[in-house]
PDB file of all heavy atoms in Angstrom:
ATOM      1  N   LEU A   1       1.131  -9.760  -5.123  1.00  0.00           N
ATOM      2  CA  LEU A   1       1.779 -10.904  -4.463  1.00  0.00           C
ATOM      3  C   LEU A   1       2.659 -10.490  -3.294  1.00  0.00           C
ATOM      4  O   LEU A   1       3.140 -11.341  -2.542  1.00  0.00           O
ATOM      5  CB  LEU A   1       2.617 -11.688  -5.483  1.00  0.00           C
ATOM      6  CG  LEU A   1       1.844 -12.366  -6.621  1.00  0.00           C
ATOM      7  CD1 LEU A   1       2.773 -13.210  -7.477  1.00  0.00           C
ATOM      8  CD2 LEU A   1       0.719 -13.231  -6.055  1.00  0.00           C
ATOM      9  N   VAL A   2       2.876  -9.196  -3.122  1.00  0.00           N
ATOM     10  CA  VAL A   2       3.648  -8.738  -1.964  1.00  0.00           C
ATOM     11  C   VAL A   2       2.852  -9.039  -0.691  1.00  0.00           C
ATOM     12  O   VAL A   2       3.420  -9.152   0.402  1.00  0.00           O
ATOM     13  CB  VAL A   2       3.973  -7.222  -2.070  1.00  0.00           C
ATOM     14  CG1 VAL A   2       2.727  -6.368  -1.860  1.00  0.00           C
ATOM     15  CG2 VAL A   2       5.069  -6.847  -1.085  1.00  0.00           C
ATOM     16  N   ASN A   3       1.549  -9.169  -0.822  1.00  0.00           N
ATOM     17  CA  ASN A   3       0.670  -9.480   0.305  1.00  0.00           C
ATOM     18  C   ASN A   3      -0.491 -10.339  -0.216  1.00  0.00           C
ATOM     19  O   ASN A   3      -1.612  -9.825  -0.379  1.00  0.00           O
ATOM     20  CB  ASN A   3       0.158  -8.188   0.936  1.00  0.00           C
ATOM     21  CG  ASN A   3      -0.667  -8.451   2.205  1.00  0.00           C
ATOM     22  OD1 ASN A   3      -0.677  -9.552   2.739  1.00  0.00           O
ATOM     23  ND2 ASN A   3      -1.364  -7.425   2.673  1.00  0.00           N
ATOM     24  N   PRO A   4      -0.235 -11.606  -0.511  1.00  0.00           N
ATOM     25  CA  PRO A   4      -1.211 -12.461  -1.214  1.00  0.00           C
ATOM     26  C   PRO A   4      -2.584 -12.519  -0.559  1.00  0.00           C
ATOM     27  O   PRO A   4      -3.605 -12.559  -1.264  1.00  0.00           O
ATOM     28  CB  PRO A   4      -0.549 -13.834  -1.205  1.00  0.00           C
ATOM     29  CG  PRO A   4       0.910 -13.551  -1.095  1.00  0.00           C
ATOM     30  CD  PRO A   4       1.008 -12.340  -0.225  1.00  0.00           C
ATOM     31  N   ARG A   5      -2.652 -12.515   0.754  1.00  0.00           N
ATOM     32  CA  ARG A   5      -3.935 -12.682   1.420  1.00  0.00           C
ATOM     33  C   ARG A   5      -4.637 -11.349   1.748  1.00  0.00           C
ATOM     34  O   ARG A   5      -5.857 -11.312   1.865  1.00  0.00           O
ATOM     35  CB  ARG A   5      -3.756 -13.479   2.713  1.00  0.00           C
ATOM     36  CG  ARG A   5      -3.332 -14.924   2.472  1.00  0.00           C
ATOM     37  CD  ARG A   5      -3.326 -15.703   3.790  1.00  0.00           C
ATOM     38  NE  ARG A   5      -2.964 -17.097   3.571  1.00  0.00           N
ATOM     39  CZ  ARG A   5      -2.892 -18.002   4.540  1.00  0.00           C
ATOM     40  NH1 ARG A   5      -3.143 -17.635   5.808  1.00  0.00           N
ATOM     41  NH2 ARG A   5      -2.560 -19.250   4.278  1.00  0.00           N
ATOM     42  N   GLY A   6      -3.842 -10.311   1.903  1.00  0.00           N
ATOM     43  CA  GLY A   6      -4.453  -9.064   2.376  1.00  0.00           C
ATOM     44  C   GLY A   6      -4.257  -7.873   1.463  1.00  0.00           C
ATOM     45  O   GLY A   6      -4.448  -6.733   1.891  1.00  0.00           O
ATOM     46  N   PHE A   7      -3.916  -8.082   0.191  1.00  0.00           N
ATOM     47  CA  PHE A   7      -3.678  -6.963  -0.706  1.00  0.00           C
ATOM     48  C   PHE A   7      -4.977  -6.184  -0.931  1.00  0.00           C
ATOM     49  O   PHE A   7      -6.015  -6.763  -1.267  1.00  0.00           O
ATOM     50  CB  PHE A   7      -3.128  -7.453  -2.046  1.00  0.00           C
ATOM     51  CG  PHE A   7      -2.779  -6.328  -3.002  1.00  0.00           C
ATOM     52  CD1 PHE A   7      -1.597  -5.622  -2.846  1.00  0.00           C
ATOM     53  CD2 PHE A   7      -3.636  -5.996  -4.032  1.00  0.00           C
ATOM     54  CE1 PHE A   7      -1.285  -4.610  -3.714  1.00  0.00           C
ATOM     55  CE2 PHE A   7      -3.324  -4.964  -4.910  1.00  0.00           C
ATOM     56  CZ  PHE A   7      -2.138  -4.267  -4.753  1.00  0.00           C
ATOM     57  N   ASP A   8      -4.901  -4.883  -0.784  1.00  0.00           N
ATOM     58  CA  ASP A   8      -6.044  -3.984  -1.013  1.00  0.00           C
ATOM     59  C   ASP A   8      -5.626  -2.944  -2.045  1.00  0.00           C
ATOM     60  O   ASP A   8      -4.898  -2.001  -1.746  1.00  0.00           O
ATOM     61  CB  ASP A   8      -6.437  -3.315   0.313  1.00  0.00           C
ATOM     62  CG  ASP A   8      -7.665  -2.414   0.147  1.00  0.00           C
ATOM     63  OD1 ASP A   8      -8.173  -2.284  -0.969  1.00  0.00           O
ATOM     64  OD2 ASP A   8      -8.118  -1.857   1.174  1.00  0.00           O
ATOM     65  N   ALA A   9      -6.117  -3.122  -3.264  1.00  0.00           N
ATOM     66  CA  ALA A   9      -5.729  -2.232  -4.354  1.00  0.00           C
ATOM     67  C   ALA A   9      -6.126  -0.791  -4.092  1.00  0.00           C
ATOM     68  O   ALA A   9      -5.467   0.141  -4.541  1.00  0.00           O
ATOM     69  CB  ALA A   9      -6.323  -2.715  -5.676  1.00  0.00           C
ATOM     70  N   THR A  10      -7.215  -0.592  -3.342  1.00  0.00           N
ATOM     71  CA  THR A  10      -7.699   0.768  -3.120  1.00  0.00           C
ATOM     72  C   THR A  10      -6.837   1.516  -2.108  1.00  0.00           C
ATOM     73  O   THR A  10      -6.825   2.740  -2.076  1.00  0.00           O
ATOM     74  CB  THR A  10      -9.147   0.748  -2.608  1.00  0.00           C
ATOM     75  OG1 THR A  10      -9.201   0.037  -1.351  1.00  0.00           O
ATOM     76  CG2 THR A  10     -10.063   0.072  -3.621  1.00  0.00           C
ATOM     77  N   ALA A  11      -6.114   0.772  -1.268  1.00  0.00           N
ATOM     78  CA  ALA A  11      -5.300   1.424  -0.224  1.00  0.00           C
ATOM     79  C   ALA A  11      -3.806   1.420  -0.548  1.00  0.00           C
ATOM     80  O   ALA A  11      -3.039   2.135   0.093  1.00  0.00           O
ATOM     81  CB  ALA A  11      -5.535   0.715   1.116  1.00  0.00           C
ATOM     82  N   PHE A  12      -3.403   0.644  -1.543  1.00  0.00           N
ATOM     83  CA  PHE A  12      -1.983   0.504  -1.858  1.00  0.00           C
ATOM     84  C   PHE A  12      -1.473   1.787  -2.517  1.00  0.00           C
ATOM     85  O   PHE A  12      -2.037   2.254  -3.507  1.00  0.00           O
ATOM     86  CB  PHE A  12      -1.779  -0.685  -2.792  1.00  0.00           C
ATOM     87  CG  PHE A  12      -0.345  -1.165  -2.880  1.00  0.00           C
ATOM     88  CD1 PHE A  12       0.222  -1.874  -1.838  1.00  0.00           C
ATOM     89  CD2 PHE A  12       0.414  -0.896  -4.007  1.00  0.00           C
ATOM     90  CE1 PHE A  12       1.534  -2.314  -1.913  1.00  0.00           C
ATOM     91  CE2 PHE A  12       1.720  -1.342  -4.105  1.00  0.00           C
ATOM     92  CZ  PHE A  12       2.291  -2.043  -3.066  1.00  0.00           C
ATOM     93  N   ARG A  13      -0.375   2.348  -1.982  1.00  0.00           N
ATOM     94  CA  ARG A  13       0.194   3.594  -2.507  1.00  0.00           C
ATOM     95  C   ARG A  13       1.720   3.471  -2.607  1.00  0.00           C
ATOM     96  O   ARG A  13       2.359   2.884  -1.742  1.00  0.00           O
ATOM     97  CB  ARG A  13      -0.146   4.776  -1.582  1.00  0.00           C
ATOM     98  CG  ARG A  13      -1.632   5.066  -1.473  1.00  0.00           C
ATOM     99  CD  ARG A  13      -2.177   5.707  -2.747  1.00  0.00           C
ATOM    100  NE  ARG A  13      -3.576   6.076  -2.601  1.00  0.00           N
ATOM    101  CZ  ARG A  13      -4.583   5.277  -2.855  1.00  0.00           C
ATOM    102  NH1 ARG A  13      -4.353   4.027  -3.269  1.00  0.00           N
ATOM    103  NH2 ARG A  13      -5.826   5.676  -2.702  1.00  0.00           N
ATOM    104  N   LEU A  14       2.255   4.054  -3.657  1.00  0.00           N
ATOM    105  CA  LEU A  14       3.707   4.040  -3.835  1.00  0.00           C
ATOM    106  C   LEU A  14       4.308   5.452  -3.909  1.00  0.00           C
ATOM    107  O   LEU A  14       5.506   5.592  -4.116  1.00  0.00           O
ATOM    108  CB  LEU A  14       4.066   3.264  -5.110  1.00  0.00           C
ATOM    109  CG  LEU A  14       3.765   1.767  -5.075  1.00  0.00           C
ATOM    110  CD1 LEU A  14       3.969   1.124  -6.444  1.00  0.00           C
ATOM    111  CD2 LEU A  14       4.644   1.076  -4.031  1.00  0.00           C
ATOM    112  N   ASP A  15       3.477   6.466  -3.747  1.00  0.00           N
ATOM    113  CA  ASP A  15       3.958   7.840  -3.843  1.00  0.00           C
ATOM    114  C   ASP A  15       3.452   8.674  -2.671  1.00  0.00           C
ATOM    115  O   ASP A  15       2.457   9.379  -2.789  1.00  0.00           O
ATOM    116  CB  ASP A  15       3.516   8.442  -5.184  1.00  0.00           C
ATOM    117  CG  ASP A  15       4.104   9.833  -5.399  1.00  0.00           C
ATOM    118  OD1 ASP A  15       5.152  10.114  -4.797  1.00  0.00           O
ATOM    119  OD2 ASP A  15       3.503  10.615  -6.173  1.00  0.00           O
ATOM    120  N   PRO A  16       4.144   8.609  -1.526  1.00  0.00           N
ATOM    121  CA  PRO A  16       5.348   7.788  -1.268  1.00  0.00           C
ATOM    122  C   PRO A  16       4.934   6.445  -0.656  1.00  0.00           C
ATOM    123  O   PRO A  16       3.830   6.327  -0.107  1.00  0.00           O
ATOM    124  CB  PRO A  16       6.111   8.631  -0.267  1.00  0.00           C
ATOM    125  CG  PRO A  16       5.012   9.291   0.547  1.00  0.00           C
ATOM    126  CD  PRO A  16       3.890   9.564  -0.439  1.00  0.00           C
ATOM    127  N   PRO A  17       5.827   5.475  -0.682  1.00  0.00           N
ATOM    128  CA  PRO A  17       5.535   4.198  -0.023  1.00  0.00           C
ATOM    129  C   PRO A  17       5.701   4.340   1.493  1.00  0.00           C
ATOM    130  O   PRO A  17       6.707   4.859   1.952  1.00  0.00           O
ATOM    131  CB  PRO A  17       6.598   3.236  -0.610  1.00  0.00           C
ATOM    132  CG  PRO A  17       7.732   4.127  -0.983  1.00  0.00           C
ATOM    133  CD  PRO A  17       7.129   5.433  -1.392  1.00  0.00           C
ATOM    134  N   THR A  18       4.723   3.894   2.245  1.00  0.00           N
ATOM    135  CA  THR A  18       4.803   4.059   3.703  1.00  0.00           C
ATOM    136  C   THR A  18       4.786   2.713   4.442  1.00  0.00           C
ATOM    137  O   THR A  18       5.498   2.571   5.432  1.00  0.00           O
ATOM    138  CB  THR A  18       3.639   4.922   4.209  1.00  0.00           C
ATOM    139  OG1 THR A  18       2.389   4.347   3.770  1.00  0.00           O
ATOM    140  CG2 THR A  18       3.722   6.338   3.653  1.00  0.00           C
ATOM    141  N   THR A  19       4.017   1.754   3.961  1.00  0.00           N
ATOM    142  CA  THR A  19       3.949   0.463   4.643  1.00  0.00           C
ATOM    143  C   THR A  19       5.135  -0.416   4.228  1.00  0.00           C
ATOM    144  O   THR A  19       5.819  -0.126   3.229  1.00  0.00           O
ATOM    145  CB  THR A  19       2.654  -0.287   4.317  1.00  0.00           C
ATOM    146  OG1 THR A  19       2.670  -0.680   2.933  1.00  0.00           O
ATOM    147  CG2 THR A  19       1.448   0.613   4.565  1.00  0.00           C
ATOM    148  N   GLU A  20       5.345  -1.482   4.955  1.00  0.00           N
ATOM    149  CA  GLU A  20       6.432  -2.409   4.635  1.00  0.00           C
ATOM    150  C   GLU A  20       6.248  -3.028   3.259  1.00  0.00           C
ATOM    151  O   GLU A  20       7.201  -3.135   2.476  1.00  0.00           O
ATOM    152  CB  GLU A  20       6.510  -3.529   5.679  1.00  0.00           C
ATOM    153  CG  GLU A  20       7.593  -4.556   5.412  1.00  0.00           C
ATOM    154  CD  GLU A  20       7.592  -5.688   6.418  1.00  0.00           C
ATOM    155  OE1 GLU A  20       6.789  -5.639   7.385  1.00  0.00           O
ATOM    156  OE2 GLU A  20       8.367  -6.650   6.243  1.00  0.00           O
ATOM    157  N   HIS A  21       5.022  -3.389   2.939  1.00  0.00           N
ATOM    158  CA  HIS A  21       4.743  -3.981   1.623  1.00  0.00           C
ATOM    159  C   HIS A  21       4.995  -2.991   0.493  1.00  0.00           C
ATOM    160  O   HIS A  21       5.566  -3.335  -0.546  1.00  0.00           O
ATOM    161  CB  HIS A  21       3.308  -4.502   1.567  1.00  0.00           C
ATOM    162  CG  HIS A  21       3.061  -5.678   2.455  1.00  0.00           C
ATOM    163  ND1 HIS A  21       1.956  -5.782   3.260  1.00  0.00           N
ATOM    164  CD2 HIS A  21       3.783  -6.807   2.664  1.00  0.00           C
ATOM    165  CE1 HIS A  21       1.994  -6.918   3.930  1.00  0.00           C
ATOM    166  NE2 HIS A  21       3.089  -7.556   3.583  1.00  0.00           N
ATOM    167  N   GLU A  22       4.556  -1.757   0.683  1.00  0.00           N
ATOM    168  CA  GLU A  22       4.775  -0.726  -0.329  1.00  0.00           C
ATOM    169  C   GLU A  22       6.250  -0.456  -0.520  1.00  0.00           C
ATOM    170  O   GLU A  22       6.711  -0.250  -1.663  1.00  0.00           O
ATOM    171  CB  GLU A  22       4.032   0.550   0.076  1.00  0.00           C
ATOM    172  CG  GLU A  22       2.512   0.408   0.048  1.00  0.00           C
ATOM    173  CD  GLU A  22       1.802   1.569   0.717  1.00  0.00           C
ATOM    174  OE1 GLU A  22       2.485   2.376   1.395  1.00  0.00           O
ATOM    175  OE2 GLU A  22       0.557   1.630   0.611  1.00  0.00           O
ATOM    176  N   GLN A  23       7.007  -0.456   0.547  1.00  0.00           N
ATOM    177  CA  GLN A  23       8.443  -0.197   0.453  1.00  0.00           C
ATOM    178  C   GLN A  23       9.163  -1.352  -0.254  1.00  0.00           C
ATOM    179  O   GLN A  23      10.120  -1.123  -1.017  1.00  0.00           O
ATOM    180  CB  GLN A  23       9.018   0.012   1.852  1.00  0.00           C
ATOM    181  CG  GLN A  23       8.583   1.339   2.477  1.00  0.00           C
ATOM    182  CD  GLN A  23       8.921   1.423   3.949  1.00  0.00           C
ATOM    183  OE1 GLN A  23       9.488   0.509   4.533  1.00  0.00           O
ATOM    184  NE2 GLN A  23       8.554   2.549   4.586  1.00  0.00           N
ATOM    185  N   LYS A  24       8.710  -2.576  -0.039  1.00  0.00           N
ATOM    186  CA  LYS A  24       9.305  -3.716  -0.745  1.00  0.00           C
ATOM    187  C   LYS A  24       9.113  -3.574  -2.250  1.00  0.00           C
ATOM    188  O   LYS A  24      10.045  -3.769  -3.040  1.00  0.00           O
ATOM    189  CB  LYS A  24       8.664  -5.028  -0.269  1.00  0.00           C
ATOM    190  CG  LYS A  24       9.139  -5.528   1.076  1.00  0.00           C
ATOM    191  CD  LYS A  24       8.504  -6.873   1.380  1.00  0.00           C
ATOM    192  CE  LYS A  24       8.997  -7.431   2.707  1.00  0.00           C
ATOM    193  NZ  LYS A  24       8.356  -8.734   3.021  1.00  0.00           N
ATOM    194  N   VAL A  25       7.895  -3.240  -2.656  1.00  0.00           N
ATOM    195  CA  VAL A  25       7.619  -3.065  -4.073  1.00  0.00           C
ATOM    196  C   VAL A  25       8.406  -1.908  -4.643  1.00  0.00           C
ATOM    197  O   VAL A  25       8.953  -1.981  -5.757  1.00  0.00           O
ATOM    198  CB  VAL A  25       6.101  -2.858  -4.302  1.00  0.00           C
ATOM    199  CG1 VAL A  25       5.829  -2.446  -5.751  1.00  0.00           C
ATOM    200  CG2 VAL A  25       5.328  -4.132  -3.992  1.00  0.00           C
ATOM    201  N   SER A  26       8.510  -0.816  -3.890  1.00  0.00           N
ATOM    202  CA  SER A  26       9.246   0.362  -4.350  1.00  0.00           C
ATOM    203  C   SER A  26      10.714   0.027  -4.602  1.00  0.00           C
ATOM    204  O   SER A  26      11.305   0.448  -5.613  1.00  0.00           O
ATOM    205  CB  SER A  26       9.119   1.491  -3.319  1.00  0.00           C
ATOM    206  OG  SER A  26       9.804   2.632  -3.769  1.00  0.00           O
ATOM    207  N   ARG A  27      11.316  -0.742  -3.702  1.00  0.00           N
ATOM    208  CA  ARG A  27      12.720  -1.129  -3.876  1.00  0.00           C
ATOM    209  C   ARG A  27      12.895  -2.024  -5.102  1.00  0.00           C
ATOM    210  O   ARG A  27      13.871  -1.905  -5.846  1.00  0.00           O
ATOM    211  CB  ARG A  27      13.230  -1.826  -2.619  1.00  0.00           C
ATOM    212  CG  ARG A  27      13.431  -0.902  -1.422  1.00  0.00           C
ATOM    213  CD  ARG A  27      14.238  -1.579  -0.324  1.00  0.00           C
ATOM    214  NE  ARG A  27      13.511  -2.714   0.244  1.00  0.00           N
ATOM    215  CZ  ARG A  27      12.693  -2.609   1.289  1.00  0.00           C
ATOM    216  NH1 ARG A  27      12.467  -1.438   1.854  1.00  0.00           N
ATOM    217  NH2 ARG A  27      12.108  -3.698   1.785  1.00  0.00           N
ATOM    218  N   TRP A  28      11.926  -2.896  -5.318  1.00  0.00           N
ATOM    219  CA  TRP A  28      11.962  -3.787  -6.486  1.00  0.00           C
ATOM    220  C   TRP A  28      11.865  -2.982  -7.788  1.00  0.00           C
ATOM    221  O   TRP A  28      12.593  -3.232  -8.749  1.00  0.00           O
ATOM    222  CB  TRP A  28      10.829  -4.797  -6.381  1.00  0.00           C
ATOM    223  CG  TRP A  28      10.677  -5.719  -7.547  1.00  0.00           C
ATOM    224  CD1 TRP A  28      11.536  -6.699  -7.939  1.00  0.00           C
ATOM    225  CD2 TRP A  28       9.590  -5.750  -8.468  1.00  0.00           C
ATOM    226  NE1 TRP A  28      11.053  -7.349  -9.069  1.00  0.00           N
ATOM    227  CE2 TRP A  28       9.849  -6.783  -9.398  1.00  0.00           C
ATOM    228  CE3 TRP A  28       8.398  -5.024  -8.592  1.00  0.00           C
ATOM    229  CZ2 TRP A  28       8.983  -7.093 -10.444  1.00  0.00           C
ATOM    230  CZ3 TRP A  28       7.521  -5.332  -9.626  1.00  0.00           C
ATOM    231  CH2 TRP A  28       7.824  -6.358 -10.533  1.00  0.00           C
ATOM    232  N   LEU A  29      11.002  -1.990  -7.800  1.00  0.00           N
ATOM    233  CA  LEU A  29      10.851  -1.135  -8.986  1.00  0.00           C
ATOM    234  C   LEU A  29      12.130  -0.363  -9.266  1.00  0.00           C
ATOM    235  O   LEU A  29      12.529  -0.187 -10.432  1.00  0.00           O
ATOM    236  CB  LEU A  29       9.672  -0.175  -8.806  1.00  0.00           C
ATOM    237  CG  LEU A  29       8.275  -0.795  -8.680  1.00  0.00           C
ATOM    238  CD1 LEU A  29       7.249   0.265  -8.355  1.00  0.00           C
ATOM    239  CD2 LEU A  29       7.901  -1.559  -9.956  1.00  0.00           C
ATOM    240  N   ASP A  30      12.765   0.106  -8.212  1.00  0.00           N
ATOM    241  CA  ASP A  30      14.042   0.821  -8.371  1.00  0.00           C
ATOM    242  C   ASP A  30      15.092  -0.090  -9.003  1.00  0.00           C
ATOM    243  O   ASP A  30      15.867   0.348  -9.855  1.00  0.00           O
ATOM    244  CB  ASP A  30      14.551   1.319  -7.005  1.00  0.00           C
ATOM    245  CG  ASP A  30      13.738   2.487  -6.468  1.00  0.00           C
ATOM    246  OD1 ASP A  30      13.000   3.111  -7.280  1.00  0.00           O
ATOM    247  OD2 ASP A  30      13.798   2.743  -5.254  1.00  0.00           O
ATOM    248  N   TYR A  31      15.092  -1.347  -8.573  1.00  0.00           N
ATOM    249  CA  TYR A  31      16.039  -2.316  -9.151  1.00  0.00           C
ATOM    250  C   TYR A  31      15.776  -2.509 -10.640  1.00  0.00           C
ATOM    251  O   TYR A  31      16.715  -2.481 -11.463  1.00  0.00           O
ATOM    252  CB  TYR A  31      15.929  -3.664  -8.435  1.00  0.00           C
ATOM    253  CG  TYR A  31      16.682  -4.772  -9.128  1.00  0.00           C
ATOM    254  CD1 TYR A  31      18.071  -4.870  -8.989  1.00  0.00           C
ATOM    255  CD2 TYR A  31      16.025  -5.677  -9.949  1.00  0.00           C
ATOM    256  CE1 TYR A  31      18.767  -5.877  -9.657  1.00  0.00           C
ATOM    257  CE2 TYR A  31      16.713  -6.687 -10.616  1.00  0.00           C
ATOM    258  CZ  TYR A  31      18.081  -6.771 -10.462  1.00  0.00           C
ATOM    259  OH  TYR A  31      18.767  -7.757 -11.133  1.00  0.00           O
ATOM    260  N   LEU A  32      14.507  -2.703 -11.016  1.00  0.00           N
ATOM    261  CA  LEU A  32      14.163  -2.895 -12.423  1.00  0.00           C
ATOM    262  C   LEU A  32      14.579  -1.685 -13.259  1.00  0.00           C
ATOM    263  O   LEU A  32      15.126  -1.811 -14.363  1.00  0.00           O
ATOM    264  CB  LEU A  32      12.662  -3.122 -12.590  1.00  0.00           C
ATOM    265  CG  LEU A  32      12.078  -4.383 -11.945  1.00  0.00           C
ATOM    266  CD1 LEU A  32      10.577  -4.465 -12.230  1.00  0.00           C
ATOM    267  CD2 LEU A  32      12.792  -5.643 -12.461  1.00  0.00           C
ATOM    268  N   ASN A  33      14.330  -0.505 -12.708  1.00  0.00           N
ATOM    269  CA  ASN A  33      14.686   0.705 -13.421  1.00  0.00           C
ATOM    270  C   ASN A  33      16.190   0.847 -13.614  1.00  0.00           C
ATOM    271  O   ASN A  33      16.667   1.300 -14.653  1.00  0.00           O
ATOM    272  CB  ASN A  33      14.133   1.924 -12.663  1.00  0.00           C
ATOM    273  CG  ASN A  33      13.926   3.122 -13.564  1.00  0.00           C
ATOM    274  OD1 ASN A  33      13.630   2.983 -14.755  1.00  0.00           O
ATOM    275  ND2 ASN A  33      14.110   4.302 -13.008  1.00  0.00           N
TER     276      ASN A  33
END
């Protein structure tokens, strides 16, 4: 849902997060943790 229309599971990476969408999710995960 960070990118409802253009999410690509094969390209999405969080280690490390580089795109704006990946960084948003990374910050959210840090908050949950």
